[in-house]
Amino acid sequence: MPRPELRFRLNGVVIPEIRVQRALVQGQPVGALEIAVCDPWIGWLTVDDNGHLPDPHLPRFFLEYRDETAWSKVDPLLRRLDPLKGWRAISPRQLLQTLRETGYIQVAD
């Protein structure tokens, strides 16, 4: 079965490229898998759930995805009526699980 085409947004901006990686410590990958995105101006940055921020009023990452394969099959009238246009909020951990389930990654966390 072919993998669905997925598209990602971070804080409302479409991200053309993501990477699944582990943190590098002294050049060696360690720890749990994490999601990194490529920003054209600042380069690669890791996206987390911002749960460690001391002030709840600080800005947080808002990660979304859309299954373009499924979205293209939705009735055009329903697509027009969807206020989110097929975009669904997702946490970095949930995104890793989705990438596993769709066959994009085959490595354990």
Protein backbone atom coordinates (compact mmCIF):
# COMPACT_ATOMS: atom_id res chain seq x y z
CA MET A 1 0.00 0.00 0.00
CA PRO A 2 1.48 3.39 -0.94
CA ARG A 3 2.25 5.86 1.81
CA PRO A 4 0.02 8.92 2.10
CA GLU A 5 1.46 12.27 1.13
CA LEU A 6 1.72 14.37 4.30
CA ARG A 7 2.14 18.13 4.58
CA PHE A 8 3.17 20.01 7.73
CA ARG A 9 2.69 23.46 9.20
CA LEU A 10 4.40 25.06 12.15
CA ASN A 11 2.65 28.09 13.64
CA GLY A 12 0.59 28.40 10.45
CA VAL A 13 3.55 28.30 8.04
CA VAL A 14 3.91 25.36 5.64
CA ILE A 15 7.17 23.55 6.32
CA PRO A 16 8.59 21.95 3.18
CA GLU A 17 11.03 19.70 5.01
CA ILE A 18 11.08 17.88 8.34
CA ARG A 19 13.61 15.50 9.80
CA VAL A 20 13.33 12.79 12.44
CA GLN A 21 16.50 12.76 14.50
CA ARG A 22 18.07 12.21 17.88
CA ALA A 23 19.89 14.93 19.78
CA LEU A 24 23.63 15.03 19.14
CA VAL A 25 25.94 14.98 22.16
CA GLN A 26 29.62 15.17 21.28
CA GLY A 27 28.69 14.21 17.74
CA GLN A 28 26.79 11.07 18.78
CA PRO A 29 23.00 10.65 18.47
CA VAL A 30 21.44 10.04 21.89
CA GLY A 31 18.01 10.07 23.50
CA ALA A 32 14.53 9.86 22.09
CA LEU A 33 13.57 10.66 18.54
CA GLU A 34 12.60 14.26 17.91
CA ILE A 35 11.09 16.29 15.09
CA ALA A 36 13.20 19.00 13.46
CA VAL A 37 12.00 21.44 10.82
CA CYS A 38 13.96 23.51 8.34
CA ASP A 39 13.31 27.23 8.38
CA PRO A 40 14.72 29.00 5.31
CA TRP A 41 16.16 31.84 7.41
CA ILE A 42 17.46 30.18 10.57
CA GLY A 43 18.01 26.59 9.45
CA TRP A 44 17.08 23.46 11.38
CA LEU A 45 15.31 23.68 14.73
CA THR A 46 13.84 21.06 17.03
CA VAL A 47 10.11 21.19 17.69
CA ASP A 48 8.89 20.06 21.08
CA ASP A 49 5.69 20.52 23.05
CA ASN A 50 7.15 23.51 24.94
CA GLY A 51 6.05 21.91 28.20
CA HIS A 52 9.24 23.07 29.89
CA LEU A 53 8.57 26.80 29.46
CA PRO A 54 8.36 28.54 32.86
CA ASP A 55 5.68 31.04 31.79
CA PRO A 56 2.44 29.76 30.22
CA HIS A 57 2.16 33.03 28.30
CA LEU A 58 5.32 32.44 26.28
CA PRO A 59 4.68 31.46 22.66
CA ARG A 60 4.43 27.77 21.96
CA PHE A 61 4.97 25.70 18.84
CA PHE A 62 1.72 24.83 17.07
CA LEU A 63 2.34 21.83 14.83
CA GLU A 64 -0.23 20.66 12.28
CA TYR A 65 -0.39 18.12 9.49
CA ARG A 66 -2.67 17.28 6.60
CA ASP A 67 -2.91 13.97 4.80
CA GLU A 68 -2.92 15.31 1.26
CA THR A 69 -3.85 11.90 -0.17
CA ALA A 70 -7.01 11.66 1.94
CA TRP A 71 -7.77 15.38 1.58
CA SER A 72 -7.78 15.10 -2.22
CA LYS A 73 -10.50 12.43 -1.98
CA VAL A 74 -12.84 14.52 0.19
CA ASP A 75 -15.92 15.84 -1.57
CA PRO A 76 -15.16 19.39 -2.86
CA LEU A 77 -18.18 20.82 -1.06
CA LEU A 78 -17.04 19.36 2.26
CA ARG A 79 -13.52 20.69 1.64
CA ARG A 80 -14.93 24.18 1.17
CA LEU A 81 -16.96 23.87 4.36
CA ASP A 82 -14.07 22.64 6.54
CA PRO A 83 -12.85 25.71 8.47
CA LEU A 84 -9.48 24.00 9.10
CA LYS A 85 -9.06 23.00 5.43
CA GLY A 86 -8.02 19.50 6.47
CA TRP A 87 -5.28 20.64 8.87
CA ARG A 88 -5.14 18.80 12.20
CA ALA A 89 -3.19 19.82 15.28
CA ILE A 90 -0.68 17.22 16.40
CA SER A 91 2.01 17.00 19.05
CA PRO A 92 5.56 16.03 18.09
CA ARG A 93 5.11 12.65 19.82
CA GLN A 94 1.84 12.02 17.97
CA LEU A 95 3.53 12.99 14.70
CA LEU A 96 6.29 10.44 15.32
CA GLN A 97 3.61 7.80 15.89
CA THR A 98 1.79 8.85 12.69
CA LEU A 99 5.06 8.62 10.73
CA ARG A 100 5.59 5.10 12.11
CA GLU A 101 2.03 4.02 11.28
CA THR A 102 2.30 5.31 7.72
CA GLY A 103 5.66 3.63 7.16
CA TYR A 104 7.83 6.74 6.90
CA ILE A 105 10.03 5.66 9.79
CA GLN A 106 10.78 2.16 11.05
CA VAL A 107 12.99 2.93 14.04
CA ALA A 108 11.94 2.59 17.67
CA ASP A 109 11.97 5.62 19.95
